[in-house]
C-alpha atoms as a PDB file:
ATOM      1  CA  MET A   1     101.795 104.318  93.661  1.00  0.00           C
ATOM      2  CA  SER A   2     101.720 101.348  96.027  1.00  0.00           C
ATOM      3  CA  GLU A   3     102.306 101.500  99.762  1.00  0.00           C
ATOM      4  CA  PRO A   4     103.652  99.272 102.554  1.00  0.00           C
ATOM      5  CA  SER A   5     101.455  96.383 103.617  1.00  0.00           C
ATOM      6  CA  GLU A   6      99.670  96.369 106.956  1.00  0.00           C
ATOM      7  CA  LYS A   7     101.659  93.263 107.906  1.00  0.00           C
ATOM      8  CA  THR A   8     104.930  95.126 107.282  1.00  0.00           C
ATOM      9  CA  ILE A   9     103.887  98.152 109.356  1.00  0.00           C
ATOM     10  CA  ARG A  10     102.614  95.915 112.152  1.00  0.00           C
ATOM     11  CA  ARG A  11     106.047  94.307 112.388  1.00  0.00           C
ATOM     12  CA  LEU A  12     107.794  97.671 112.093  1.00  0.00           C
ATOM     13  CA  PHE A  13     105.692  99.139 114.908  1.00  0.00           C
ATOM     14  CA  ALA A  14     106.330  96.174 117.230  1.00  0.00           C
ATOM     15  CA  LEU A  15     110.091  96.251 116.719  1.00  0.00           C
ATOM     16  CA  ALA A  16     110.099 100.041 117.145  1.00  0.00           C
ATOM     17  CA  GLY A  17     108.336  99.709 120.491  1.00  0.00           C
ATOM     18  CA  ASN A  18     106.172 102.730 119.580  1.00  0.00           C
ATOM     19  CA  ALA A  19     109.242 104.990 119.690  1.00  0.00           C
ATOM     20  CA  CYS A  20     110.923 107.378 117.271  1.00  0.00           C
ATOM     21  CA  ALA A  21     114.155 105.787 116.024  1.00  0.00           C
ATOM     22  CA  PHE A  22     116.161 109.001 116.319  1.00  0.00           C
ATOM     23  CA  PRO A  23     118.686 108.639 119.187  1.00  0.00           C
ATOM     24  CA  ASP A  24     117.310 109.742 122.577  1.00  0.00           C
ATOM     25  CA  CYS A  25     114.095 111.118 121.059  1.00  0.00           C
ATOM     26  CA  PRO A  26     111.298 110.779 123.655  1.00  0.00           C
ATOM     27  CA  SER A  27     108.459 111.110 121.125  1.00  0.00           C
ATOM     28  CA  PRO A  28     106.114 108.143 120.667  1.00  0.00           C
ATOM     29  CA  ILE A  29     104.759 107.185 117.264  1.00  0.00           C
ATOM     30  CA  VAL A  30     101.196 106.963 118.567  1.00  0.00           C
ATOM     31  CA  GLU A  31     100.161 108.884 121.690  1.00  0.00           C
ATOM     32  CA  ALA A  32      98.236 107.130 124.474  1.00  0.00           C
ATOM     33  CA  GLU A  33      95.108 109.025 123.344  1.00  0.00           C
ATOM     34  CA  GLY A  34      95.517 107.616 119.825  1.00  0.00           C
ATOM     35  CA  THR A  35      96.926 110.752 118.166  1.00  0.00           C
ATOM     36  CA  ILE A  36      99.424 109.926 115.411  1.00  0.00           C
ATOM     37  CA  THR A  37     102.640 111.843 116.092  1.00  0.00           C
ATOM     38  CA  GLY A  38     105.014 109.684 114.042  1.00  0.00           C
ATOM     39  CA  GLU A  39     105.400 108.768 110.399  1.00  0.00           C
ATOM     40  CA  ILE A  40     106.381 105.858 108.187  1.00  0.00           C
ATOM     41  CA  CYS A  41     109.641 106.966 106.571  1.00  0.00           C
ATOM     42  CA  HIS A  42     111.508 105.553 103.589  1.00  0.00           C
ATOM     43  CA  MET A  43     115.287 105.232 103.852  1.00  0.00           C
ATOM     44  CA  HIS A  44     115.581 105.219 100.067  1.00  0.00           C
ATOM     45  CA  ALA A  45     112.912 107.684  98.878  1.00  0.00           C
ATOM     46  CA  ARG A  46     109.711 106.263  97.443  1.00  0.00           C
ATOM     47  CA  SER A  47     109.897 108.466  94.339  1.00  0.00           C
ATOM     48  CA  LYS A  48     112.517 109.961  92.025  1.00  0.00           C
ATOM     49  CA  GLY A  49     113.953 113.209  93.286  1.00  0.00           C
ATOM     50  CA  GLY A  50     113.368 112.306  96.916  1.00  0.00           C
ATOM     51  CA  PRO A  51     116.150 111.985  99.521  1.00  0.00           C
ATOM     52  CA  ARG A  52     118.402 108.941  99.095  1.00  0.00           C
ATOM     53  CA  PHE A  53     116.381 107.666  96.100  1.00  0.00           C
ATOM     54  CA  GLU A  54     117.749 104.436  94.604  1.00  0.00           C
ATOM     55  CA  ALA A  55     116.696 103.906  90.986  1.00  0.00           C
ATOM     56  CA  THR A  56     117.579 100.195  91.008  1.00  0.00           C
ATOM     57  CA  GLN A  57     115.039  99.407  93.741  1.00  0.00           C
ATOM     58  CA  SER A  58     111.804  97.746  92.750  1.00  0.00           C
ATOM     59  CA  GLU A  59     108.473  99.146  93.952  1.00  0.00           C
ATOM     60  CA  GLN A  60     108.178  96.183  96.290  1.00  0.00           C
ATOM     61  CA  GLU A  61     111.631  96.829  97.763  1.00  0.00           C
ATOM     62  CA  ARG A  62     110.821 100.490  98.375  1.00  0.00           C
ATOM     63  CA  HIS A  63     107.894  99.568 100.601  1.00  0.00           C
ATOM     64  CA  ALA A  64     109.511  96.546 102.246  1.00  0.00           C
ATOM     65  CA  PHE A  65     110.422  96.326 105.934  1.00  0.00           C
ATOM     66  CA  ASP A  66     114.153  96.815 105.311  1.00  0.00           C
ATOM     67  CA  ASN A  67     113.586 100.206 103.663  1.00  0.00           C
ATOM     68  CA  LEU A  68     111.260 101.600 106.329  1.00  0.00           C
ATOM     69  CA  ILE A  69     111.814 103.307 109.654  1.00  0.00           C
ATOM     70  CA  LEU A  70     109.444 105.014 112.103  1.00  0.00           C
ATOM     71  CA  LEU A  71     110.280 108.578 113.130  1.00  0.00           C
ATOM     72  CA  CYS A  72     108.500 111.476 114.775  1.00  0.00           C
ATOM     73  CA  ARG A  73     107.473 114.230 112.368  1.00  0.00           C
ATOM     74  CA  ARG A  74     110.243 116.564 113.484  1.00  0.00           C
ATOM     75  CA  HIS A  75     113.058 114.061 112.937  1.00  0.00           C
ATOM     76  CA  HIS A  76     111.521 112.913 109.649  1.00  0.00           C
ATOM     77  CA  LYS A  77     111.911 116.494 108.407  1.00  0.00           C
ATOM     78  CA  ILE A  78     115.459 116.704 109.722  1.00  0.00           C
ATOM     79  CA  ILE A  79     116.746 113.525 108.054  1.00  0.00           C
ATOM     80  CA  ASP A  80     115.138 114.358 104.717  1.00  0.00           C
ATOM     81  CA  ALA A  81     116.512 117.907 104.770  1.00  0.00           C
ATOM     82  CA  GLU A  82     120.078 116.561 105.201  1.00  0.00           C
ATOM     83  CA  PRO A  83     120.264 113.320 103.169  1.00  0.00           C
ATOM     84  CA  ASP A  84     124.048 113.485 102.848  1.00  0.00           C
ATOM     85  CA  ILE A  85     124.407 113.486 106.616  1.00  0.00           C
ATOM     86  CA  TYR A  86     121.579 111.065 107.332  1.00  0.00           C
ATOM     87  CA  SER A  87     122.605 108.370 104.872  1.00  0.00           C
ATOM     88  CA  VAL A  88     120.889 105.011 104.521  1.00  0.00           C
ATOM     89  CA  GLU A  89     123.676 103.427 106.588  1.00  0.00           C
ATOM     90  CA  VAL A  90     123.060 105.885 109.430  1.00  0.00           C
ATOM     91  CA  LEU A  91     119.317 105.246 109.320  1.00  0.00           C
ATOM     92  CA  GLN A  92     119.848 101.493 109.308  1.00  0.00           C
ATOM     93  CA  GLU A  93     121.995 101.799 112.427  1.00  0.00           C
ATOM     94  CA  MET A  94     119.334 103.956 114.101  1.00  0.00           C
ATOM     95  CA  LYS A  95     116.727 101.316 113.342  1.00  0.00           C
ATOM     96  CA  ALA A  96     118.928  98.455 114.577  1.00  0.00           C
ATOM     97  CA  ASN A  97     119.649 100.285 117.844  1.00  0.00           C
ATOM     98  CA  GLN A  98     115.967 101.057 118.294  1.00  0.00           C
ATOM     99  CA  THR A  99     115.027  97.408 117.745  1.00  0.00           C
ATOM    100  CA  ALA A 100     117.643  96.238 120.222  1.00  0.00           C
ATOM    101  CA  ARG A 101     116.403  98.692 122.837  1.00  0.00           C
ATOM    102  CA  TYR A 102     112.614  98.668 122.387  1.00  0.00           C
ATOM    103  CA  GLY A 103     111.786  95.726 120.120  1.00  0.00           C
ATOM    104  CA  ARG A 104     109.097  93.302 121.271  1.00  0.00           C
ATOM    105  CA  SER A 105     106.751  90.643 119.928  1.00  0.00           C
ATOM    106  CA  GLU A 106     103.652  91.739 118.044  1.00  0.00           C
ATOM    107  CA  GLU A 107     100.560  92.419 120.138  1.00  0.00           C
ATOM    108  CA  VAL A 108      96.855  92.411 119.264  1.00  0.00           C
ATOM    109  CA  ASN A 109      96.540  96.203 119.120  1.00  0.00           C
ATOM    110  CA  ASP A 110      99.497  96.540 116.759  1.00  0.00           C
ATOM    111  CA  SER A 111      97.172  95.916 113.828  1.00  0.00           C
ATOM    112  CA  ILE A 112      95.153  98.982 114.856  1.00  0.00           C
ATOM    113  CA  TYR A 113      98.265 101.137 115.092  1.00  0.00           C
ATOM    114  CA  ALA A 114      99.420  99.858 111.696  1.00  0.00           C
ATOM    115  CA  LYS A 115      96.076 100.879 110.180  1.00  0.00           C
ATOM    116  CA  LEU A 116      96.317 104.327 111.786  1.00  0.00           C
ATOM    117  CA  LEU A 117      99.785 104.892 110.364  1.00  0.00           C
ATOM    118  CA  LEU A 118      98.743 103.749 106.907  1.00  0.00           C
ATOM    119  CA  ASN A 119      95.602 105.897 107.042  1.00  0.00           C
ATOM    120  CA  ALA A 120      97.894 108.883 107.555  1.00  0.00           C
ATOM    121  CA  LYS A 121      99.044 108.268 103.970  1.00  0.00           C
ATOM    122  CA  ARG A 122      95.570 108.908 102.595  1.00  0.00           C
ATOM    123  CA  LYS A 123      95.331 109.362  98.874  1.00  0.00           C
ATOM    124  CA  MET A 124      92.633 110.782  96.670  1.00  0.00           C
ATOM    125  CA  GLU A 125      92.191 111.486  92.951  1.00  0.00           C
ATOM    126  CA  ILE A 126      89.894 114.233  91.647  1.00  0.00           C
ATOM    127  CA  SER A 127      89.428 114.965  87.938  1.00  0.00           C
ATOM    128  CA  ASN A 128      87.813 117.963  86.247  1.00  0.00           C
ATOM    129  CA  ASN A 129      87.088 119.721  89.526  1.00  0.00           C
ATOM    130  CA  SER A 130      85.873 123.311  89.106  1.00  0.00           C
ATOM    131  CA  GLY A 131      85.354 124.103  92.778  1.00  0.00           C
ATOM    132  CA  ASN A 132      87.170 123.640  96.081  1.00  0.00           C
ATOM    133  CA  VAL A 133      88.793 120.511  97.456  1.00  0.00           C
ATOM    134  CA  VAL A 134      88.742 120.184 101.245  1.00  0.00           C
ATOM    135  CA  ILE A 135      90.976 117.542 102.799  1.00  0.00           C
ATOM    136  CA  ASP A 136      90.411 115.986 106.218  1.00  0.00           C
ATOM    137  CA  SER A 137      87.402 118.142 107.040  1.00  0.00           C
ATOM    138  CA  PRO A 138      83.939 117.013 108.239  1.00  0.00           C
ATOM    139  CA  GLY A 139      81.718 116.334 105.250  1.00  0.00           C
ATOM    140  CA  ALA A 140      84.622 116.461 102.819  1.00  0.00           C
ATOM    141  CA  ILE A 141      85.913 113.824 100.428  1.00  0.00           C
ATOM    142  CA  VAL A 142      88.593 111.714 102.061  1.00  0.00           C
ATOM    143  CA  GLY A 143      90.832 109.526  99.943  1.00  0.00           C
ATOM    144  CA  ARG A 144      94.300 108.113  99.635  1.00  0.00           C
ATOM    145  CA  THR A 145      96.165 110.289  97.037  1.00  0.00           C
ATOM    146  CA  VAL A 146      95.330 113.791  95.854  1.00  0.00           C
ATOM    147  CA  ASN A 147      95.902 114.129  92.114  1.00  0.00           C
ATOM    148  CA  VAL A 148      94.276 117.352  90.927  1.00  0.00           C
ATOM    149  CA  LYS A 149      93.625 117.689  87.189  1.00  0.00           C
ATOM    150  CA  THR A 150      92.504 121.158  86.182  1.00  0.00           C
ATOM    151  CA  SER A 151      92.425 123.390  83.132  1.00  0.00           C
ATOM    152  CA  ARG A 152      93.841 126.238  85.213  1.00  0.00           C
ATOM    153  CA  SER A 153      97.553 127.001  85.188  1.00  0.00           C
ATOM    154  CA  SER A 154      97.799 126.661  88.979  1.00  0.00           C
ATOM    155  CA  VAL A 155      95.940 125.140  91.901  1.00  0.00           C
ATOM    156  CA  GLN A 156      95.462 127.121  95.098  1.00  0.00           C
ATOM    157  CA  ILE A 157      95.297 125.112  98.322  1.00  0.00           C
ATOM    158  CA  GLN A 158      93.399 126.801 101.122  1.00  0.00           C
ATOM    159  CA  PRO A 159      94.776 126.193 104.639  1.00  0.00           C
ATOM    160  CA  SER A 160      92.492 123.977 106.701  1.00  0.00           C
ATOM    161  CA  ALA A 161      91.598 124.447 110.365  1.00  0.00           C
ATOM    162  CA  GLY A 162      94.515 123.852 112.696  1.00  0.00           C
ATOM    163  CA  THR A 163      97.172 125.061 110.242  1.00  0.00           C
ATOM    164  CA  VAL A 164      99.420 128.123 110.455  1.00  0.00           C
ATOM    165  CA  GLY A 165      97.700 129.731 107.464  1.00  0.00           C
ATOM    166  CA  ALA A 166      94.269 129.371 109.061  1.00  0.00           C
ATOM    167  CA  ASP A 167      95.384 131.207 112.214  1.00  0.00           C
ATOM    168  CA  LEU A 168      95.347 134.932 111.401  1.00  0.00           C
ATOM    169  CA  ASP A 169      97.832 135.982 114.102  1.00  0.00           C
ATOM    170  CA  ALA A 170     100.237 133.115 113.393  1.00  0.00           C
ATOM    171  CA  SER A 171     100.083 133.695 109.648  1.00  0.00           C
ATOM    172  CA  ARG A 172     100.776 137.410 109.970  1.00  0.00           C
ATOM    173  CA  TYR A 173     103.669 136.790 112.345  1.00  0.00           C
ATOM    174  CA  ILE A 174     105.339 134.356 109.926  1.00  0.00           C
ATOM    175  CA  GLN A 175     104.923 136.918 107.158  1.00  0.00           C
ATOM    176  CA  HIS A 176     106.494 139.502 109.490  1.00  0.00           C
ATOM    177  CA  LEU A 177     109.533 137.251 110.056  1.00  0.00           C
ATOM    178  CA  ILE A 178     109.882 136.430 106.351  1.00  0.00           C
ATOM    179  CA  SER A 179     109.649 140.105 105.463  1.00  0.00           C
ATOM    180  CA  ARG A 180     112.253 141.015 108.088  1.00  0.00           C
ATOM    181  CA  TYR A 181     114.623 138.291 106.854  1.00  0.00           C
ATOM    182  CA  ASN A 182     114.277 139.428 103.244  1.00  0.00           C
ATOM    183  CA  GLU A 183     114.808 143.059 104.278  1.00  0.00           C
ATOM    184  CA  PHE A 184     118.041 142.243 106.119  1.00  0.00           C
ATOM    185  CA  ALA A 185     119.421 139.517 103.859  1.00  0.00           C
ATOM    186  CA  SER A 186     118.883 141.536 100.675  1.00  0.00           C
ATOM    187  CA  LYS A 187     121.257 144.191 102.036  1.00  0.00           C
ATOM    188  CA  GLU A 188     124.204 141.849 102.640  1.00  0.00           C
ATOM    189  CA  PRO A 189     127.216 143.640 101.043  1.00  0.00           C
ATOM    190  CA  THR A 190     129.062 140.407 100.243  1.00  0.00           C
ATOM    191  CA  ARG A 191     126.213 138.901  98.207  1.00  0.00           C
ATOM    192  CA  ALA A 192     127.494 137.854  94.781  1.00  0.00           C
ATOM    193  CA  ALA A 193     124.253 136.828  93.085  1.00  0.00           C
ATOM    194  CA  LYS A 194     120.948 138.681  92.797  1.00  0.00           C
ATOM    195  CA  PHE A 195     118.873 138.228  95.959  1.00  0.00           C
ATOM    196  CA  SER A 196     115.811 135.973  95.662  1.00  0.00           C
ATOM    197  CA  TYR A 197     112.938 137.069  97.881  1.00  0.00           C
ATOM    198  CA  GLY A 198     111.154 133.763  97.381  1.00  0.00           C
ATOM    199  CA  ALA A 199     114.112 131.579  98.400  1.00  0.00           C
ATOM    200  CA  ILE A 200     113.257 131.592 102.115  1.00  0.00           C
ATOM    201  CA  SER A 201     109.775 130.198 101.460  1.00  0.00           C
ATOM    202  CA  LYS A 202     111.257 127.496  99.238  1.00  0.00           C
ATOM    203  CA  ASN A 203     113.741 126.607 101.982  1.00  0.00           C
ATOM    204  CA  ILE A 204     110.877 126.277 104.453  1.00  0.00           C
ATOM    205  CA  GLU A 205     109.063 123.991 102.030  1.00  0.00           C
ATOM    206  CA  ARG A 206     112.182 121.850 101.608  1.00  0.00           C
ATOM    207  CA  ILE A 207     112.918 121.533 105.327  1.00  0.00           C
ATOM    208  CA  PHE A 208     109.347 121.229 106.611  1.00  0.00           C
ATOM    209  CA  ARG A 209     108.114 119.367 103.515  1.00  0.00           C
ATOM    210  CA  SER A 210     105.142 121.688 103.081  1.00  0.00           C
ATOM    211  CA  GLN A 211     104.244 125.282 102.327  1.00  0.00           C
ATOM    212  CA  TRP A 212     104.381 127.173 105.620  1.00  0.00           C
ATOM    213  CA  LYS A 213     100.694 128.101 105.469  1.00  0.00           C
ATOM    214  CA  LEU A 214      99.749 124.407 105.345  1.00  0.00           C
ATOM    215  CA  LEU A 215     101.889 123.364 108.321  1.00  0.00           C
ATOM    216  CA  PRO A 216      99.988 122.302 111.454  1.00  0.00           C
ATOM    217  CA  MET A 217     100.079 124.700 114.397  1.00  0.00           C
ATOM    218  CA  THR A 218     102.123 122.081 116.261  1.00  0.00           C
ATOM    219  CA  ASP A 219     105.008 123.097 113.946  1.00  0.00           C
ATOM    220  CA  PHE A 220     104.515 126.837 114.512  1.00  0.00           C
ATOM    221  CA  ALA A 221     107.120 127.248 117.277  1.00  0.00           C
ATOM    222  CA  GLU A 222     109.733 125.311 115.271  1.00  0.00           C
ATOM    223  CA  LEU A 223     108.955 127.378 112.165  1.00  0.00           C
ATOM    224  CA  CYS A 224     109.345 130.616 114.135  1.00  0.00           C
ATOM    225  CA  ALA A 225     112.658 129.423 115.601  1.00  0.00           C
ATOM    226  CA  TYR A 226     113.951 128.593 112.108  1.00  0.00           C
ATOM    227  CA  LEU A 227     113.083 132.030 110.704  1.00  0.00           C
ATOM    228  CA  GLN A 228     114.396 133.869 113.755  1.00  0.00           C
ATOM    229  CA  ALA A 229     117.687 131.958 113.479  1.00  0.00           C
ATOM    230  CA  ARG A 230     117.969 132.930 109.804  1.00  0.00           C
ATOM    231  CA  ILE A 231     117.396 136.585 110.707  1.00  0.00           C
ATOM    232  CA  ASP A 232     119.961 136.422 113.525  1.00  0.00           C
ATOM    233  CA  LYS A 233     122.644 135.308 111.054  1.00  0.00           C
ATOM    234  CA  THR A 234     122.342 138.428 108.913  1.00  0.00           C
ATOM    235  CA  ARG A 235     124.846 141.263 109.229  1.00  0.00           C
ATOM    236  CA  ILE A 236     122.175 143.828 110.202  1.00  0.00           C
ATOM    237  CA  ALA A 237     120.764 141.582 112.955  1.00  0.00           C
ATOM    238  CA  LYS A 238     124.249 141.014 114.378  1.00  0.00           C
ATOM    239  CA  LEU A 239     124.830 144.762 114.363  1.00  0.00           C
ATOM    240  CA  ASN A 240     121.498 145.304 116.143  1.00  0.00           C
ATOM    241  CA  ALA A 241     122.420 142.678 118.739  1.00  0.00           C
ATOM    242  CA  SER A 242     125.748 144.396 119.425  1.00  0.00           C
ATOM    243  CA  LYS A 243     123.795 147.565 120.208  1.00  0.00           C
ATOM    244  CA  GLY A 244     121.278 145.742 122.382  1.00  0.00           C
ATOM    245  CA  ARG A 245     118.461 146.112 119.849  1.00  0.00           C
ATOM    246  CA  SER A 246     116.080 143.350 118.812  1.00  0.00           C
ATOM    247  CA  SER A 247     115.619 142.645 115.094  1.00  0.00           C
ATOM    248  CA  TYR A 248     112.088 141.233 115.445  1.00  0.00           C
ATOM    249  CA  SER A 249     109.277 141.003 117.963  1.00  0.00           C
ATOM    250  CA  SER A 250     108.366 137.836 119.813  1.00  0.00           C
ATOM    251  CA  PHE A 251     105.054 136.314 118.759  1.00  0.00           C
ATOM    252  CA  GLU A 252     103.350 137.449 121.974  1.00  0.00           C
ATOM    253  CA  LYS A 253     104.592 141.044 121.607  1.00  0.00           C
ATOM    254  CA  TYR A 254     103.616 141.083 117.936  1.00  0.00           C
ATOM    255  CA  ARG A 255     100.125 139.811 118.760  1.00  0.00           C
ATOM    256  CA  ARG A 256      99.662 142.305 121.621  1.00  0.00           C
ATOM    257  CA  ALA A 257     100.781 145.168 119.382  1.00  0.00           C
ATOM    258  CA  ARG A 258      98.268 144.185 116.712  1.00  0.00           C
ATOM    259  CA  LEU A 259      95.522 143.832 119.302  1.00  0.00           C
ATOM    260  CA  SER A 260      96.192 147.307 120.672  1.00  0.00           C
ATOM    261  CA  LEU A 261      95.981 148.753 117.144  1.00  0.00           C
ATOM    262  CA  THR A 262      92.595 147.145 116.471  1.00  0.00           C
ATOM    263  CA  GLU A 263      91.205 148.426 119.788  1.00  0.00           C
ATOM    264  CA  ARG A 264      91.988 152.064 118.982  1.00  0.00           C
END
């Protein structure tokens, strides 16, 4: 699959003024230290099944300037999770307002920022691999698209350093929240259909665009807030709240409790 040209992203970055296009969002696309905190986003999805996908678009049109917008990672997730609300027309207006407010002429360093943003879309293809694939790790293979071809029925992706799944305390706490949500939600008396214990993980993957174990730790607080909010909406949690009881521990309390158990 093709990608936007460096020239296109250079222009996009200059007219964005290194700012997320979401109204009043203070997040830059590239931090002063060079850390990439924003993403190249497609208004009409780049592939079938994606948000706002338009089948009549050509591959060139999908990666053209008019179909692209720069957003911080958080707002990228938000707009793709609610495509009916964040329509192409809404995104176009966001982009136009951003250009009017922050747009400027291209500068010499814009080519560097364009390369950084495009490098974030790394791709790699591996065929007939019988071992492990490590992405973005020292000494590992780094490429542009990951297409894994294997004789096995499934491929297991191990969380890399800096992700929720690689942090033992964070991973256990998310499992605690998921377990608590499933415990409460499965007991809802008004539920018409059979309860799906895996639905919450699929919802996380849809909203955050990744399995929760593979999310960076920078998304941990937002992930916790999402799960806690889902728990709070259940009938049992509301009943607990009316009696002044908490339905789950905070991360710090959960971690301290586990630490005290291991020290015994």
